[in-house]
Amino acid sequence: MGIDGAAVANVDVPGTKLAREATELIRDTTSELIYHHSRRVYFFGSLQGRNRDLSFDPELLYIGAMFHDVGLSEAYHGSGRRFEVDSAEEAKRFLKAHGIPEDSIRRVWTAIALHTTPGIPQFMEPEVALVTAGVEYDVLGIDYGAIPEADRAEIVALHPRPDFKHQILGAFTDGIRPKPDTTFGNVKADVLEHFVPGFQRGDFVRTILESPWKE
């Protein structure tokens, strides 16, 4: 089977120029870990879309999946923004350069920006819901049994995940350690609490009580 323009686990990989250029860009600018993870997110998200009977644009889902973690790379360590936003902005620049319509760009941006904010994406557009579904499947194993073992094995054979649990936690730690304040109110605070000595997570209640308001 080919890498692009072919079917893997009965999921068609977009064979468009946009998708091919996105593949080349992510492969050239991210680690093998992030590249393979991002590809699996597309496949697992697509299969979850089929399970949920959702009609989605495969190309937009593919771009969202491929760009969703680029903000973890060293180039963005000094941005001061959540890595999800850095990833979304990079996808936005890529899509704008290719003349993609604004509504499509908005969908991809939102899908990436919200992929670590559980409880919201599933109520939004299919592409937004399915980037998160793919991430949750590959990273957390949510709805693990919803995808047949044979399909899962075919995807992992093409995009292997050796020691993935520890490797992805290391990537998260390296990507957000330089900007710990960006973890306030999101799941990545758990990562720094486990792996960065001295990290103190933001406290929502304390923030309210210690605000400048008198009462």
Protein backbone atom coordinates (compact mmCIF):
# COMPACT_ATOMS: atom_id res chain seq x y z
CA MET A 1 0.00 0.00 0.00
CA GLY A 2 1.14 3.49 -0.70
CA ILE A 3 1.59 6.20 1.90
CA ASP A 4 -0.77 8.68 0.19
CA GLY A 5 -3.70 8.36 -2.15
CA ALA A 6 -4.29 4.75 -1.02
CA ALA A 7 -6.58 3.05 1.47
CA VAL A 8 -5.36 1.89 4.87
CA ALA A 9 -7.79 -0.01 7.09
CA ASN A 10 -10.45 0.87 4.49
CA VAL A 11 -9.81 4.59 4.98
CA ASP A 12 -8.86 6.60 1.91
CA VAL A 13 -5.89 8.88 2.34
CA PRO A 14 -6.42 12.20 0.53
CA GLY A 15 -4.42 12.19 -2.68
CA THR A 16 -4.73 15.92 -3.28
CA LYS A 17 -1.84 18.32 -3.80
CA LEU A 18 -2.73 20.04 -0.51
CA ALA A 19 -2.56 16.79 1.44
CA ARG A 20 0.68 15.70 -0.24
CA GLU A 21 2.37 19.00 0.57
CA ALA A 22 1.13 18.83 4.17
CA THR A 23 2.57 15.33 4.47
CA GLU A 24 5.94 16.44 3.15
CA LEU A 25 6.01 19.49 5.42
CA ILE A 26 5.18 17.59 8.59
CA ARG A 27 7.57 14.78 7.73
CA ASP A 28 10.39 17.26 7.12
CA THR A 29 9.80 19.51 10.15
CA THR A 30 8.68 17.22 12.97
CA SER A 31 10.00 14.10 14.64
CA GLU A 32 9.16 10.57 13.57
CA LEU A 33 7.10 10.33 16.76
CA ILE A 34 4.86 13.29 15.84
CA TYR A 35 4.63 12.34 12.18
CA HIS A 36 3.44 8.79 12.84
CA HIS A 37 1.14 9.91 15.65
CA SER A 38 -0.45 12.54 13.41
CA ARG A 39 -1.06 10.05 10.64
CA ARG A 40 -2.66 7.61 13.07
CA VAL A 41 -4.89 10.40 14.36
CA TYR A 42 -6.24 10.83 10.82
CA PHE A 43 -6.94 7.13 10.37
CA PHE A 44 -8.48 6.64 13.80
CA GLY A 45 -10.49 9.86 13.49
CA SER A 46 -11.82 8.75 10.11
CA LEU A 47 -12.87 5.37 11.45
CA GLN A 48 -14.57 7.02 14.41
CA GLY A 49 -16.39 9.29 11.96
CA ARG A 50 -17.63 6.24 10.13
CA ASN A 51 -18.73 4.66 13.42
CA ARG A 52 -20.64 7.82 14.33
CA ASP A 53 -22.15 8.19 10.86
CA LEU A 54 -20.63 11.65 10.45
CA SER A 55 -20.18 13.30 7.07
CA PHE A 56 -16.79 15.03 7.05
CA ASP A 57 -14.28 16.50 4.64
CA PRO A 58 -11.33 14.04 4.60
CA GLU A 59 -8.90 16.68 3.40
CA LEU A 60 -9.73 19.08 6.24
CA LEU A 61 -9.58 16.27 8.78
CA TYR A 62 -6.21 15.26 7.37
CA ILE A 63 -4.77 18.76 7.66
CA GLY A 64 -6.10 19.08 11.21
CA ALA A 65 -4.58 15.76 12.18
CA MET A 66 -1.23 16.44 10.57
CA PHE A 67 -0.75 19.89 12.11
CA HIS A 68 -2.28 19.34 15.53
CA ASP A 69 1.03 18.89 17.40
CA VAL A 70 3.48 21.03 15.43
CA GLY A 71 3.34 23.65 18.21
CA LEU A 72 5.26 21.30 20.49
CA SER A 73 8.46 21.81 18.50
CA GLU A 74 11.35 23.95 19.72
CA ALA A 75 10.52 26.76 17.31
CA TYR A 76 7.47 27.63 19.43
CA HIS A 77 8.95 27.27 22.90
CA GLY A 78 9.17 31.03 23.29
CA SER A 79 5.77 31.93 21.90
CA GLY A 80 4.04 32.27 25.25
CA ARG A 81 0.93 30.69 23.73
CA ARG A 82 -0.68 27.29 24.21
CA PHE A 83 0.94 24.81 21.86
CA GLU A 84 -2.51 24.04 20.47
CA VAL A 85 -2.84 27.66 19.32
CA ASP A 86 0.65 27.65 17.80
CA SER A 87 -0.29 24.47 15.92
CA ALA A 88 -3.58 25.97 14.75
CA GLU A 89 -1.88 29.15 13.57
CA GLU A 90 0.68 27.16 11.59
CA ALA A 91 -2.11 25.23 9.87
CA LYS A 92 -3.90 28.50 9.17
CA ARG A 93 -0.79 29.94 7.49
CA PHE A 94 -0.40 26.81 5.40
CA LEU A 95 -4.03 26.82 4.27
CA LYS A 96 -4.07 30.56 3.54
CA ALA A 97 -1.00 30.15 1.35
CA HIS A 98 -2.95 27.56 -0.66
CA GLY A 99 -6.02 29.76 -1.11
CA ILE A 100 -8.34 27.63 1.03
CA PRO A 101 -11.71 29.27 1.91
CA GLU A 102 -12.02 31.00 5.28
CA ASP A 103 -14.72 28.67 6.60
CA SER A 104 -12.53 25.66 5.95
CA ILE A 105 -9.59 27.36 7.64
CA ARG A 106 -11.77 28.16 10.65
CA ARG A 107 -12.79 24.51 10.97
CA VAL A 108 -9.21 23.29 10.91
CA TRP A 109 -8.07 26.02 13.32
CA THR A 110 -10.83 25.16 15.78
CA ALA A 111 -10.21 21.42 15.48
CA ILE A 112 -6.57 21.86 16.41
CA ALA A 113 -7.06 24.50 19.09
CA LEU A 114 -9.65 22.41 20.95
CA HIS A 115 -8.10 18.97 20.64
CA THR A 116 -7.03 18.91 24.32
CA THR A 117 -10.28 20.42 25.62
CA PRO A 118 -12.55 17.43 26.29
CA GLY A 119 -16.32 17.70 26.37
CA ILE A 120 -16.70 20.38 23.68
CA PRO A 121 -15.42 19.20 20.25
CA GLN A 122 -17.95 16.37 19.89
CA PHE A 123 -20.73 18.94 19.71
CA MET A 124 -19.10 20.91 16.91
CA GLU A 125 -18.47 20.34 13.20
CA PRO A 126 -17.44 16.78 12.26
CA GLU A 127 -13.84 17.75 11.45
CA VAL A 128 -13.51 19.39 14.88
CA ALA A 129 -15.03 16.38 16.63
CA LEU A 130 -12.93 13.85 14.75
CA VAL A 131 -9.49 15.39 15.26
CA THR A 132 -10.18 15.12 18.98
CA ALA A 133 -11.61 11.62 18.59
CA GLY A 134 -8.46 10.52 16.75
CA VAL A 135 -6.20 12.06 19.38
CA GLU A 136 -8.17 10.56 22.25
CA TYR A 137 -8.03 7.14 20.60
CA ASP A 138 -4.31 7.18 19.90
CA VAL A 139 -3.15 8.84 23.13
CA LEU A 140 -5.75 7.80 25.71
CA GLY A 141 -7.31 4.68 24.22
CA ILE A 142 -10.83 6.11 24.53
CA ASP A 143 -13.38 3.88 22.75
CA TYR A 144 -10.54 1.44 22.07
CA GLY A 145 -12.88 -1.42 21.21
CA ALA A 146 -14.85 0.67 18.71
CA ILE A 147 -12.26 0.01 16.00
CA PRO A 148 -11.74 -3.59 14.85
CA GLU A 149 -8.44 -5.16 15.83
CA ALA A 150 -7.54 -5.86 12.20
CA ASP A 151 -7.96 -2.19 11.23
CA ARG A 152 -5.99 -1.05 14.25
CA ALA A 153 -3.18 -3.49 13.45
CA GLU A 154 -2.99 -2.33 9.83
CA ILE A 155 -2.68 1.31 10.87
CA VAL A 156 -0.04 0.60 13.50
CA ALA A 157 1.92 -1.57 11.07
CA LEU A 158 2.17 1.38 8.70
CA HIS A 159 2.73 3.94 11.46
CA PRO A 160 4.32 2.12 14.41
CA ARG A 161 4.21 3.34 18.00
CA PRO A 162 7.28 1.93 19.82
CA ASP A 163 7.23 3.00 23.50
CA PHE A 164 4.63 5.57 22.44
CA LYS A 165 3.18 6.26 25.88
CA HIS A 166 6.49 7.40 27.31
CA GLN A 167 7.68 9.05 24.11
CA ILE A 168 4.58 11.22 23.70
CA LEU A 169 4.66 12.23 27.37
CA GLY A 170 8.27 13.30 26.82
CA ALA A 171 7.26 15.35 23.79
CA PHE A 172 4.46 17.02 25.75
CA THR A 173 6.85 17.82 28.60
CA ASP A 174 9.53 19.28 26.33
CA GLY A 175 6.97 21.30 24.38
CA ILE A 176 5.24 22.95 27.32
CA ARG A 177 7.94 23.10 29.99
CA PRO A 178 9.16 26.52 28.69
CA LYS A 179 5.66 28.05 29.04
CA PRO A 180 4.05 26.49 32.12
CA ASP A 181 1.43 29.22 32.48
CA THR A 182 -0.25 27.94 29.31
CA THR A 183 -1.37 24.81 31.17
CA PHE A 184 -3.82 26.69 33.38
CA GLY A 185 -7.24 25.07 33.06
CA ASN A 186 -6.22 22.28 30.67
CA VAL A 187 -5.01 18.70 30.82
CA LYS A 188 -1.36 19.51 30.16
CA ALA A 189 -0.97 20.70 33.75
CA ASP A 190 -1.02 17.00 34.65
CA VAL A 191 2.03 16.44 32.46
CA LEU A 192 4.16 19.12 34.10
CA GLU A 193 3.01 18.07 37.57
CA HIS A 194 4.34 14.57 36.89
CA PHE A 195 7.58 15.41 35.07
CA VAL A 196 8.76 18.92 36.03
CA PRO A 197 10.00 19.24 39.63
CA GLY A 198 8.69 22.34 41.38
CA PHE A 199 5.83 22.96 38.95
CA GLN A 200 2.73 24.36 40.62
CA ARG A 201 -0.51 24.16 38.70
CA GLY A 202 -2.78 27.17 38.56
CA ASP A 203 -5.66 27.10 41.00
CA PHE A 204 -8.95 28.49 39.67
CA VAL A 205 -10.44 29.06 43.12
CA ARG A 206 -7.32 30.80 44.43
CA THR A 207 -7.20 32.96 41.30
CA ILE A 208 -10.74 34.17 42.03
CA LEU A 209 -10.16 34.75 45.73
CA GLU A 210 -6.85 36.57 45.18
CA SER A 211 -8.06 38.76 42.31
CA PRO A 212 -7.92 42.56 42.74
CA TRP A 213 -11.68 42.71 43.28
CA LYS A 214 -12.62 43.59 46.87
CA GLU A 215 -15.54 41.21 46.96
